[in-house]
Amino acid sequence: MKDTENRPPSRKRRKWGSVIVRRDADGNPASFQARYVNPLDPPKKVGRNFGLEYETEAYKWLDVEHYLVALHNKGIRQWVHPSQRGADTMPIFREYSKDYFDRYRKPDGSKLSGRSNRCNEIVLRRLNETFGDTPLDRITRQMVDECLCSMVLRPVERLVFSPKER
C-alpha cells in the first residue's frame, strides 16, 4: 500500500527549459534560476537568476527565450546569447528624441507650428546636454530629477532671430 498522504504534490514537468530553486549555505531558498540548453552549443546551458519574488518573471523569460530559439530552429532569425542582445539595440537618448520629435504630430495629424518646434528644440538641446549619449535603459529617475532641478535653476534661453526669420 502506497502512502500518498505524506508525499509532496508532484510538479508538472516543463517540456522546454527549467526553473530551479537556488539555495544558500543553510539550505534556505535564495533565488530562482531559469535555464535552457544553448541552441548553438548543446553541451552548455543558458541561464538567468531571479529573486525569490520574481518566480513568474523567470517563467516568462523562459517562454520568450523558447520563442527566440524556435525562430532560430526554423531558420527565421539567428539566435543571439542574451548577454549579447541588449548592448547594441538600445538607442541613445539623442537619437530617440530626434526621431520622436521628427515624427510627432498634433492630435489632428498635422505638424507642429514653427514656434512649437523652436520651443522643443530649446528643451531638447538642454536635455541632450545631460542625456545625449546615454542609452535609454540607463536613464534613472534620479538623473531625471537632477536634470529638472538644474533646468529650473538656469535662466530660460532666448532665441535670437535674424530679421529674415521674423
Foldseek 3Di string as FASTA:
>chain_A
DDDPPPDPDDDDDDPFWDKDFDADPVRHGAWIKTWGADPVHRVDIAIDIGGPVCPVVSVVVRVVVVVLVVCCVVVNDPDDRPVPPPPPPFDFPQVVLVVCLVCDDDPVRHHDDPVVVVVSVQVSVLVCVQGVGPGPVPDDPVSVVVSVVVVVVDDRDDDDDDPVVD
